[in-house]
Every structure is written in structure tokens, then in C-alpha cells.
Amino acid sequence: QVQLVESGGGLVQAGGSLRLSCAASGLTFRSYVMGWFRQAPGKEREFVAGIRWSGVSLYSIESVKGRFTISRDNAKNTVYLEMNSLKPEDTAVYYCAAARSLGVVPGTEAAYGYWGQGTQVTVSS
């Protein structure tokens, strides 16, 4: 049984930092691209970043580039999202997801077959 368990969310002031973690189990970690999505209130879920086993990554949202960093520890079956200089518009539920690796980092929800339960990130102004 595949499980993705996120942690690290919380309430932070604008300009602060958080590091989200996602521990994966029940899958062959090296065979999966790991991604982070987010869903703000009243909005659709959007792709934030993804990373392959090799460390090659993709960031989808222009506004997070330079502020967010995705990484993975393959020995610990864990993927991270380091978020710096947080803004109120980063407030959302953040989801970890896993997609079978096909040589690229997919940016669509449909490509990801496994999802975590989500962790709330709230940035106050």
C-alpha cells in the first residue's frame, strides 16, 4: 500500500520560511517522480514543482522560482519543499504526489497516481 505523508506545514509570517517533508512508503522510490502541488481557497490545485530520481527538477509557478526549492533524499524515501520569503498568496494546502517516471517531470495532476493528504500552509501579512 502506497503512502505519502506530508509534514511541516503551519502558520508563518510573511517573509518567513517553512520546509515541507513528504515521506513515501510502499513504492519503489527511484521509479517515481515526486511532485508538490498546492490548492488555495476557491482555486484549482496547481503544480508547484517536481523532481526526478536524478535530481532534475521543474518549477511551474513563476512566482515561486527563486524562493522555493524542491529536493529529495533517496536514501530516506523523502521529498522536501523548502519555502523561503513566503507571501500571503502562498497560503494553500500543499500536497505531495508521486508519478511513474517516464523520463520527464510531469506538471499535470493526471500524471500523478498517488497523493498525500495535504498539509496547510498559512502565511499572515
Foldseek 3Di string as FASTA:
>chain_A
DKAWAKDWADEEAAQAKIKMKIAIDDDQLLQKKKFKWWDDPPGDIFTAKIAHSVGDMDGDDPVQVPFWDWDDDNVRNMIMIIGGSDDQVVWTWMKMFIAGDPPDTDGDPVRTDDIHPTDTHGYHD
